[in-house]
C-alpha atoms as a PDB file:
ATOM      1  CA  MET A   1     -39.610  40.241  -9.920  1.00  0.00           C
ATOM      2  CA  GLU A   2     -37.532  41.172 -12.965  1.00  0.00           C
ATOM      3  CA  PRO A   3     -38.875  39.482 -16.126  1.00  0.00           C
ATOM      4  CA  ILE A   4     -36.031  37.381 -17.550  1.00  0.00           C
ATOM      5  CA  SER A   5     -36.353  35.298 -20.708  1.00  0.00           C
ATOM      6  CA  THR A   6     -32.764  34.115 -21.123  1.00  0.00           C
ATOM      7  CA  PRO A   7     -31.933  30.681 -19.664  1.00  0.00           C
ATOM      8  CA  PHE A   8     -29.832  30.503 -16.505  1.00  0.00           C
ATOM      9  CA  PHE A   9     -29.291  28.372 -13.437  1.00  0.00           C
ATOM     10  CA  VAL A  10     -28.742  28.955  -9.733  1.00  0.00           C
ATOM     11  CA  THR A  11     -26.919  26.697  -7.298  1.00  0.00           C
ATOM     12  CA  LEU A  12     -29.332  26.083  -4.425  1.00  0.00           C
ATOM     13  CA  GLN A  13     -28.147  26.294  -0.844  1.00  0.00           C
ATOM     14  CA  ASP A  14     -28.117  23.558   1.785  1.00  0.00           C
ATOM     15  CA  ARG A  15     -29.626  20.598   0.007  1.00  0.00           C
ATOM     16  CA  GLY A  16     -29.402  16.916   0.916  1.00  0.00           C
ATOM     17  CA  GLN A  17     -30.790  13.652  -0.403  1.00  0.00           C
ATOM     18  CA  ILE A  18     -32.439  10.559   1.051  1.00  0.00           C
ATOM     19  CA  ARG A  19     -32.614   7.335  -0.957  1.00  0.00           C
ATOM     20  CA  ILE A  20     -35.214   4.652  -0.242  1.00  0.00           C
ATOM     21  CA  GLU A  21     -34.813   1.203  -1.782  1.00  0.00           C
ATOM     22  CA  GLY A  22     -36.557  -2.132  -1.311  1.00  0.00           C
ATOM     23  CA  ALA A  23     -39.824  -3.855  -2.203  1.00  0.00           C
ATOM     24  CA  ASP A  24     -41.898  -1.801   0.295  1.00  0.00           C
ATOM     25  CA  ARG A  25     -40.452   1.617  -0.583  1.00  0.00           C
ATOM     26  CA  LEU A  26     -43.671   3.024  -2.085  1.00  0.00           C
ATOM     27  CA  THR A  27     -46.129   1.756   0.526  1.00  0.00           C
ATOM     28  CA  PHE A  28     -43.752   2.739   3.347  1.00  0.00           C
ATOM     29  CA  LEU A  29     -43.679   6.391   2.301  1.00  0.00           C
ATOM     30  CA  GLN A  30     -47.350   6.442   1.255  1.00  0.00           C
ATOM     31  CA  GLY A  31     -48.549   6.212   4.848  1.00  0.00           C
ATOM     32  CA  LEU A  32     -46.287   8.984   6.096  1.00  0.00           C
ATOM     33  CA  ILE A  33     -46.418  11.984   3.756  1.00  0.00           C
ATOM     34  CA  THR A  34     -48.925  14.443   2.305  1.00  0.00           C
ATOM     35  CA  GLN A  35     -48.405  13.352  -1.303  1.00  0.00           C
ATOM     36  CA  ASP A  36     -49.508  10.261  -3.228  1.00  0.00           C
ATOM     37  CA  VAL A  37     -46.463   8.077  -3.834  1.00  0.00           C
ATOM     38  CA  LEU A  38     -48.281   5.178  -5.489  1.00  0.00           C
ATOM     39  CA  THR A  39     -49.295   7.234  -8.541  1.00  0.00           C
ATOM     40  CA  LEU A  40     -45.932   8.988  -8.951  1.00  0.00           C
ATOM     41  CA  PRO A  41     -44.687   8.517 -12.545  1.00  0.00           C
ATOM     42  CA  LEU A  42     -41.047   7.736 -13.214  1.00  0.00           C
ATOM     43  CA  ASN A  43     -38.711  10.732 -13.364  1.00  0.00           C
ATOM     44  CA  THR A  44     -41.355  13.271 -12.317  1.00  0.00           C
ATOM     45  CA  LEU A  45     -41.045  15.560  -9.309  1.00  0.00           C
ATOM     46  CA  ARG A  46     -43.705  15.815  -6.645  1.00  0.00           C
ATOM     47  CA  TYR A  47     -43.587  18.210  -3.737  1.00  0.00           C
ATOM     48  CA  GLY A  48     -44.771  17.084  -0.303  1.00  0.00           C
ATOM     49  CA  CYS A  49     -44.292  17.261   3.442  1.00  0.00           C
ATOM     50  CA  LEU A  50     -43.712  15.088   6.463  1.00  0.00           C
ATOM     51  CA  LEU A  51     -45.841  16.104   9.455  1.00  0.00           C
ATOM     52  CA  THR A  52     -46.064  15.354  13.144  1.00  0.00           C
ATOM     53  CA  PRO A  53     -48.946  13.082  14.228  1.00  0.00           C
ATOM     54  CA  GLN A  54     -50.695  16.321  15.271  1.00  0.00           C
ATOM     55  CA  GLY A  55     -50.434  17.696  11.728  1.00  0.00           C
ATOM     56  CA  LYS A  56     -47.611  20.213  12.232  1.00  0.00           C
ATOM     57  CA  PHE A  57     -44.808  20.776   9.727  1.00  0.00           C
ATOM     58  CA  LEU A  58     -41.592  18.802  10.063  1.00  0.00           C
ATOM     59  CA  HIS A  59     -39.998  18.695   6.591  1.00  0.00           C
ATOM     60  CA  ASP A  60     -40.793  19.599   3.008  1.00  0.00           C
ATOM     61  CA  PHE A  61     -39.122  17.903   0.064  1.00  0.00           C
ATOM     62  CA  PHE A  62     -39.265  16.925  -3.581  1.00  0.00           C
ATOM     63  CA  MET A  63     -39.493  13.273  -4.503  1.00  0.00           C
ATOM     64  CA  TYR A  64     -38.906  11.332  -7.691  1.00  0.00           C
ATOM     65  CA  ARG A  65     -38.623   7.653  -8.474  1.00  0.00           C
ATOM     66  CA  THR A  66     -36.578   5.454 -10.739  1.00  0.00           C
ATOM     67  CA  ASP A  67     -37.101   1.769 -11.497  1.00  0.00           C
ATOM     68  CA  ASP A  68     -35.450   0.679  -8.250  1.00  0.00           C
ATOM     69  CA  ALA A  69     -35.465   3.588  -5.783  1.00  0.00           C
ATOM     70  CA  LEU A  70     -37.207   6.671  -4.399  1.00  0.00           C
ATOM     71  CA  PHE A  71     -35.182   9.855  -3.985  1.00  0.00           C
ATOM     72  CA  LEU A  72     -36.069  12.743  -1.667  1.00  0.00           C
ATOM     73  CA  ASP A  73     -34.519  16.163  -2.314  1.00  0.00           C
ATOM     74  CA  VAL A  74     -34.530  17.633   1.203  1.00  0.00           C
ATOM     75  CA  GLU A  75     -32.991  20.437   3.239  1.00  0.00           C
ATOM     76  CA  GLY A  76     -29.321  19.732   3.829  1.00  0.00           C
ATOM     77  CA  GLY A  77     -27.050  19.209   6.816  1.00  0.00           C
ATOM     78  CA  HIS A  78     -28.678  18.447  10.147  1.00  0.00           C
ATOM     79  CA  ARG A  79     -32.102  18.773   8.538  1.00  0.00           C
ATOM     80  CA  THR A  80     -31.350  15.808   6.248  1.00  0.00           C
ATOM     81  CA  GLU A  81     -30.171  13.811   9.238  1.00  0.00           C
ATOM     82  CA  ASP A  82     -33.279  14.736  11.239  1.00  0.00           C
ATOM     83  CA  MET A  83     -35.596  13.534   8.489  1.00  0.00           C
ATOM     84  CA  MET A  84     -33.565  10.361   8.085  1.00  0.00           C
ATOM     85  CA  THR A  85     -33.887   9.667  11.826  1.00  0.00           C
ATOM     86  CA  ARG A  86     -37.654  10.210  11.714  1.00  0.00           C
ATOM     87  CA  LEU A  87     -38.097   7.871   8.750  1.00  0.00           C
ATOM     88  CA  MET A  88     -36.023   5.196  10.485  1.00  0.00           C
ATOM     89  CA  ARG A  89     -38.438   5.268  13.439  1.00  0.00           C
ATOM     90  CA  TYR A  90     -41.239   4.097  11.152  1.00  0.00           C
ATOM     91  CA  LYS A  91     -39.249   1.467   9.255  1.00  0.00           C
ATOM     92  CA  LEU A  92     -40.284  -1.356  11.600  1.00  0.00           C
ATOM     93  CA  ARG A  93     -40.551  -4.542   9.488  1.00  0.00           C
ATOM     94  CA  ALA A  94     -40.835  -2.819   6.115  1.00  0.00           C
ATOM     95  CA  HIS A  95     -38.575  -4.304   3.445  1.00  0.00           C
ATOM     96  CA  ILE A  96     -36.643  -1.119   2.711  1.00  0.00           C
ATOM     97  CA  SER A  97     -33.188   0.340   3.084  1.00  0.00           C
ATOM     98  CA  LEU A  98     -32.565   4.022   3.811  1.00  0.00           C
ATOM     99  CA  SER A  99     -29.438   6.038   3.079  1.00  0.00           C
ATOM    100  CA  CYS A 100     -28.738   9.751   3.047  1.00  0.00           C
ATOM    101  CA  ASP A 101     -26.245  12.357   1.909  1.00  0.00           C
ATOM    102  CA  PRO A 102     -26.522  15.634   3.874  1.00  0.00           C
ATOM    103  CA  THR A 103     -24.689  17.603   1.157  1.00  0.00           C
ATOM    104  CA  VAL A 104     -25.852  17.362  -2.463  1.00  0.00           C
ATOM    105  CA  SER A 105     -25.533  19.806  -5.357  1.00  0.00           C
ATOM    106  CA  VAL A 106     -28.949  20.855  -6.672  1.00  0.00           C
ATOM    107  CA  TYR A 107     -29.477  23.430  -9.408  1.00  0.00           C
ATOM    108  CA  ALA A 108     -32.584  25.481 -10.158  1.00  0.00           C
ATOM    109  CA  VAL A 109     -32.942  26.042 -13.905  1.00  0.00           C
ATOM    110  CA  ILE A 110     -35.002  28.894 -15.335  1.00  0.00           C
ATOM    111  CA  ASN A 111     -36.179  29.195 -18.949  1.00  0.00           C
ATOM    112  CA  ALA A 112     -34.558  25.990 -20.167  1.00  0.00           C
ATOM    113  CA  PRO A 113     -35.856  22.398 -20.577  1.00  0.00           C
ATOM    114  CA  VAL A 114     -33.277  20.936 -18.207  1.00  0.00           C
ATOM    115  CA  GLY A 115     -33.962  18.608 -15.264  1.00  0.00           C
ATOM    116  CA  LEU A 116     -37.397  17.920 -13.768  1.00  0.00           C
ATOM    117  CA  SER A 117     -40.119  20.570 -13.606  1.00  0.00           C
ATOM    118  CA  ASP A 118     -40.679  22.193 -10.217  1.00  0.00           C
ATOM    119  CA  PRO A 119     -44.270  21.180  -9.370  1.00  0.00           C
ATOM    120  CA  ARG A 120     -44.951  24.160  -7.100  1.00  0.00           C
ATOM    121  CA  HIS A 121     -45.208  26.879  -9.764  1.00  0.00           C
ATOM    122  CA  PRO A 122     -44.223  27.235 -13.447  1.00  0.00           C
ATOM    123  CA  GLY A 123     -42.197  30.319 -12.545  1.00  0.00           C
ATOM    124  CA  MET A 124     -39.813  28.202 -10.480  1.00  0.00           C
ATOM    125  CA  GLY A 125     -38.540  26.390 -13.571  1.00  0.00           C
ATOM    126  CA  SER A 126     -36.958  22.996 -12.962  1.00  0.00           C
ATOM    127  CA  ARG A 127     -34.461  21.243 -10.715  1.00  0.00           C
ATOM    128  CA  SER A 128     -31.371  19.367 -11.846  1.00  0.00           C
ATOM    129  CA  TRP A 129     -28.748  17.273 -10.081  1.00  0.00           C
ATOM    130  CA  VAL A 130     -26.327  17.722 -12.979  1.00  0.00           C
ATOM    131  CA  LYS A 131     -24.716  21.135 -13.412  1.00  0.00           C
ATOM    132  CA  PRO A 132     -26.325  22.726 -16.492  1.00  0.00           C
ATOM    133  CA  ASP A 133     -24.328  24.134 -19.374  1.00  0.00           C
ATOM    134  CA  LEU A 134     -25.920  27.540 -18.929  1.00  0.00           C
ATOM    135  CA  PRO A 135     -24.976  30.920 -17.416  1.00  0.00           C
ATOM    136  CA  GLU A 136     -25.017  30.855 -13.611  1.00  0.00           C
ATOM    137  CA  ARG A 137     -26.656  33.638 -11.613  1.00  0.00           C
ATOM    138  CA  PRO A 138     -26.509  34.415  -7.874  1.00  0.00           C
ATOM    139  CA  PHE A 139     -28.712  32.553  -5.414  1.00  0.00           C
ATOM    140  CA  ALA A 140     -30.399  35.864  -4.557  1.00  0.00           C
ATOM    141  CA  GLN A 141     -31.958  35.950  -8.018  1.00  0.00           C
ATOM    142  CA  TRP A 142     -33.741  32.648  -7.360  1.00  0.00           C
ATOM    143  CA  ASP A 143     -34.640  33.745  -3.823  1.00  0.00           C
ATOM    144  CA  ASP A 144     -36.146  36.989  -5.118  1.00  0.00           C
ATOM    145  CA  ARG A 145     -38.272  35.037  -7.616  1.00  0.00           C
ATOM    146  CA  ARG A 146     -39.429  32.624  -4.902  1.00  0.00           C
ATOM    147  CA  ILE A 147     -40.523  35.439  -2.591  1.00  0.00           C
ATOM    148  CA  TRP A 148     -42.456  37.245  -5.334  1.00  0.00           C
ATOM    149  CA  LEU A 149     -44.318  33.980  -5.969  1.00  0.00           C
ATOM    150  CA  ASN A 150     -45.028  33.568  -2.222  1.00  0.00           C
ATOM    151  CA  ILE A 151     -43.304  30.190  -1.966  1.00  0.00           C
ATOM    152  CA  PRO A 152     -41.878  29.143   1.421  1.00  0.00           C
ATOM    153  CA  ASP A 153     -38.398  27.623   1.554  1.00  0.00           C
ATOM    154  CA  GLY A 154     -38.498  24.871   4.148  1.00  0.00           C
ATOM    155  CA  SER A 155     -37.521  25.807   7.690  1.00  0.00           C
ATOM    156  CA  ARG A 156     -36.514  29.288   6.556  1.00  0.00           C
ATOM    157  CA  ASP A 157     -40.244  30.031   6.475  1.00  0.00           C
ATOM    158  CA  MET A 158     -41.980  27.198   8.327  1.00  0.00           C
ATOM    159  CA  ILE A 159     -41.351  26.331  11.966  1.00  0.00           C
ATOM    160  CA  PRO A 160     -40.827  22.615  12.610  1.00  0.00           C
ATOM    161  CA  GLU A 161     -43.427  21.162  14.989  1.00  0.00           C
ATOM    162  CA  LYS A 162     -45.409  24.441  14.966  1.00  0.00           C
ATOM    163  CA  SER A 163     -46.386  25.576  11.465  1.00  0.00           C
ATOM    164  CA  ILE A 164     -49.624  24.437   9.816  1.00  0.00           C
ATOM    165  CA  LEU A 165     -49.348  23.703   6.103  1.00  0.00           C
ATOM    166  CA  LEU A 166     -52.403  25.673   5.016  1.00  0.00           C
ATOM    167  CA  GLU A 167     -51.105  28.784   6.800  1.00  0.00           C
ATOM    168  CA  CYS A 168     -48.031  28.490   4.593  1.00  0.00           C
ATOM    169  CA  GLY A 169     -49.928  27.951   1.346  1.00  0.00           C
ATOM    170  CA  ILE A 170     -48.647  24.416   0.734  1.00  0.00           C
ATOM    171  CA  ASP A 171     -52.094  23.417  -0.559  1.00  0.00           C
ATOM    172  CA  LYS A 172     -51.722  26.024  -3.340  1.00  0.00           C
ATOM    173  CA  LEU A 173     -48.285  24.672  -4.282  1.00  0.00           C
ATOM    174  CA  ASN A 174     -49.419  21.134  -5.112  1.00  0.00           C
ATOM    175  CA  GLY A 175     -47.947  19.868  -1.866  1.00  0.00           C
ATOM    176  CA  ILE A 176     -51.016  18.057  -0.470  1.00  0.00           C
ATOM    177  CA  ASP A 177     -53.119  15.332  -2.053  1.00  0.00           C
ATOM    178  CA  PHE A 178     -56.503  15.580  -0.350  1.00  0.00           C
ATOM    179  CA  ALA A 179     -57.794  12.495  -2.195  1.00  0.00           C
ATOM    180  CA  LYS A 180     -55.164   9.993  -1.024  1.00  0.00           C
ATOM    181  CA  GLY A 181     -55.623   7.662   1.911  1.00  0.00           C
ATOM    182  CA  CYS A 182     -54.506   8.207   5.479  1.00  0.00           C
ATOM    183  CA  TYR A 183     -51.104   9.602   6.329  1.00  0.00           C
ATOM    184  CA  MET A 184     -49.488  10.969   9.452  1.00  0.00           C
ATOM    185  CA  GLY A 185     -51.054  14.302  10.408  1.00  0.00           C
ATOM    186  CA  GLN A 186     -53.913  14.014   7.932  1.00  0.00           C
ATOM    187  CA  GLU A 187     -56.694  14.778  10.418  1.00  0.00           C
ATOM    188  CA  LEU A 188     -55.629  18.351  11.213  1.00  0.00           C
ATOM    189  CA  THR A 189     -54.693  19.034   7.597  1.00  0.00           C
ATOM    190  CA  ALA A 190     -58.094  17.909   6.320  1.00  0.00           C
ATOM    191  CA  ARG A 191     -59.990  19.695   9.097  1.00  0.00           C
ATOM    192  CA  THR A 192     -58.310  23.043   8.440  1.00  0.00           C
ATOM    193  CA  HIS A 193     -58.905  22.608   4.712  1.00  0.00           C
ATOM    194  CA  TYR A 194     -62.594  21.726   4.803  1.00  0.00           C
ATOM    195  CA  ARG A 195     -63.610  23.958   7.714  1.00  0.00           C
ATOM    196  CA  ALA A 196     -61.604  27.042   6.671  1.00  0.00           C
ATOM    197  CA  LEU A 197     -60.132  27.466  10.142  1.00  0.00           C
ATOM    198  CA  ILE A 198     -56.975  29.359   9.130  1.00  0.00           C
ATOM    199  CA  LYS A 199     -56.775  32.991  10.284  1.00  0.00           C
ATOM    200  CA  LYS A 200     -53.230  33.884   9.193  1.00  0.00           C
ATOM    201  CA  HIS A 201     -51.147  33.218   6.094  1.00  0.00           C
ATOM    202  CA  LEU A 202     -47.760  33.801   4.528  1.00  0.00           C
ATOM    203  CA  TYR A 203     -47.609  36.960   2.436  1.00  0.00           C
ATOM    204  CA  PRO A 204     -44.797  38.529   0.388  1.00  0.00           C
ATOM    205  CA  VAL A 205     -43.923  41.926   1.851  1.00  0.00           C
ATOM    206  CA  GLN A 206     -41.572  44.813   1.166  1.00  0.00           C
ATOM    207  CA  TRP A 207     -39.827  46.989   3.736  1.00  0.00           C
ATOM    208  CA  HIS A 208     -38.858  50.640   3.363  1.00  0.00           C
ATOM    209  CA  GLY A 209     -35.786  49.951   5.486  1.00  0.00           C
ATOM    210  CA  ALA A 210     -33.887  46.854   6.488  1.00  0.00           C
ATOM    211  CA  THR A 211     -35.944  43.696   6.857  1.00  0.00           C
ATOM    212  CA  PRO A 212     -36.230  42.372  10.420  1.00  0.00           C
ATOM    213  CA  PRO A 213     -34.455  39.140  11.380  1.00  0.00           C
ATOM    214  CA  PRO A 214     -36.377  35.915  10.706  1.00  0.00           C
ATOM    215  CA  PHE A 215     -39.096  34.987  13.215  1.00  0.00           C
ATOM    216  CA  THR A 216     -39.210  38.403  14.889  1.00  0.00           C
ATOM    217  CA  ASP A 217     -42.549  40.127  15.503  1.00  0.00           C
ATOM    218  CA  ILE A 218     -44.017  42.639  13.055  1.00  0.00           C
ATOM    219  CA  SER A 219     -45.902  45.459  14.758  1.00  0.00           C
ATOM    220  CA  LEU A 220     -48.005  48.344  13.467  1.00  0.00           C
ATOM    221  CA  ASN A 221     -48.993  51.129  15.861  1.00  0.00           C
ATOM    222  CA  GLY A 222     -47.986  48.995  18.821  1.00  0.00           C
ATOM    223  CA  GLU A 223     -50.013  45.957  17.742  1.00  0.00           C
ATOM    224  CA  THR A 224     -48.337  42.700  16.722  1.00  0.00           C
ATOM    225  CA  ILE A 225     -49.829  41.609  13.398  1.00  0.00           C
ATOM    226  CA  GLY A 226     -47.459  38.775  12.514  1.00  0.00           C
ATOM    227  CA  ASP A 227     -43.832  37.770  12.280  1.00  0.00           C
ATOM    228  CA  MET A 228     -41.073  37.874   9.691  1.00  0.00           C
ATOM    229  CA  ARG A 229     -39.750  34.805   7.907  1.00  0.00           C
ATOM    230  CA  SER A 230     -37.103  34.645   5.135  1.00  0.00           C
ATOM    231  CA  SER A 231     -35.945  37.689   3.207  1.00  0.00           C
ATOM    232  CA  CYS A 232     -33.856  38.786   0.243  1.00  0.00           C
ATOM    233  CA  GLY A 233     -32.818  42.415   0.211  1.00  0.00           C
ATOM    234  CA  HIS A 234     -35.824  44.563   1.089  1.00  0.00           C
ATOM    235  CA  ILE A 235     -38.442  41.888   0.381  1.00  0.00           C
ATOM    236  CA  GLY A 236     -39.426  38.751   2.222  1.00  0.00           C
ATOM    237  CA  LEU A 237     -42.184  36.482   3.437  1.00  0.00           C
ATOM    238  CA  ALA A 238     -44.132  37.191   6.612  1.00  0.00           C
ATOM    239  CA  MET A 239     -46.839  35.362   8.518  1.00  0.00           C
ATOM    240  CA  ILE A 240     -49.603  37.964   8.817  1.00  0.00           C
ATOM    241  CA  ARG A 241     -53.023  37.834  10.451  1.00  0.00           C
ATOM    242  CA  ASP A 242     -55.634  37.946   7.704  1.00  0.00           C
ATOM    243  CA  ASP A 243     -57.579  40.673   9.513  1.00  0.00           C
ATOM    244  CA  ALA A 244     -54.510  42.923   9.380  1.00  0.00           C
ATOM    245  CA  VAL A 245     -53.630  42.489   5.705  1.00  0.00           C
ATOM    246  CA  GLU A 246     -55.579  45.547   4.504  1.00  0.00           C
ATOM    247  CA  ARG A 247     -53.370  47.753   6.673  1.00  0.00           C
ATOM    248  CA  LEU A 248     -50.364  46.661   4.622  1.00  0.00           C
ATOM    249  CA  HIS A 249     -51.706  48.596   1.626  1.00  0.00           C
ATOM    250  CA  ASP A 250     -50.939  51.872   3.410  1.00  0.00           C
ATOM    251  CA  PRO A 251     -47.775  53.328   1.792  1.00  0.00           C
ATOM    252  CA  HIS A 252     -46.944  55.195   5.016  1.00  0.00           C
ATOM    253  CA  ASN A 253     -46.317  51.954   6.920  1.00  0.00           C
ATOM    254  CA  PRO A 254     -42.733  50.660   7.108  1.00  0.00           C
ATOM    255  CA  VAL A 255     -43.932  47.389   5.573  1.00  0.00           C
ATOM    256  CA  ARG A 256     -46.423  46.820   2.764  1.00  0.00           C
ATOM    257  CA  LEU A 257     -47.651  43.954   0.635  1.00  0.00           C
ATOM    258  CA  LEU A 258     -45.395  43.166  -2.291  1.00  0.00           C
ATOM    259  CA  GLY A 259     -46.796  43.645  -5.755  1.00  0.00           C
END
């Protein structure tokens, strides 16, 4: 990752927004997601996930609250609509109203005190919903930074209804509150955390040639050791078996660990 000290912003791709209003908005979301909503300060971002009842990834998002509403910064398009549909299923008699916009402009800001700080890693800067008065750089520059920091980008890196959060490092990105009460999918999440059951993880990798398409197998000497996820140029994230990671230090392999 190129060290850059000058401020700039990047327009993020495919973002949407869900708005939750009503007297029960905090308690409604509290029982569904991996983060603590009840202790969320005003105008502060928290990163969290919505899981299946079996503890598998469905959606990741950023949330912030104002005096009268909760806002979720989510993947855009059909992914926004899918999350909206899932939340509606759990509305029942809760005193809330839900609305969504599948297309919203979101800007990542680096090296400038603009917007709300990205809670995943200091290197990811902040997020703003107002276009900053700063130089704009290509999306690839943000994507490159994200990959170097080993940060998954929603369904580009995590498979809905299949991925486990701890395989994807969400616990290291402040995306799970292990001290909060029950939420959907908590049992598997807690079990994998406390029993150390995970045997594969996301890793940043670099290819000598072109990176494989997302979600295709990665093989070394005829053995499948993982699969590719998102990429930017010759680098990307890959889900690799932990027992195969040492082999990615060999410079003669077509793929090696980044950094």
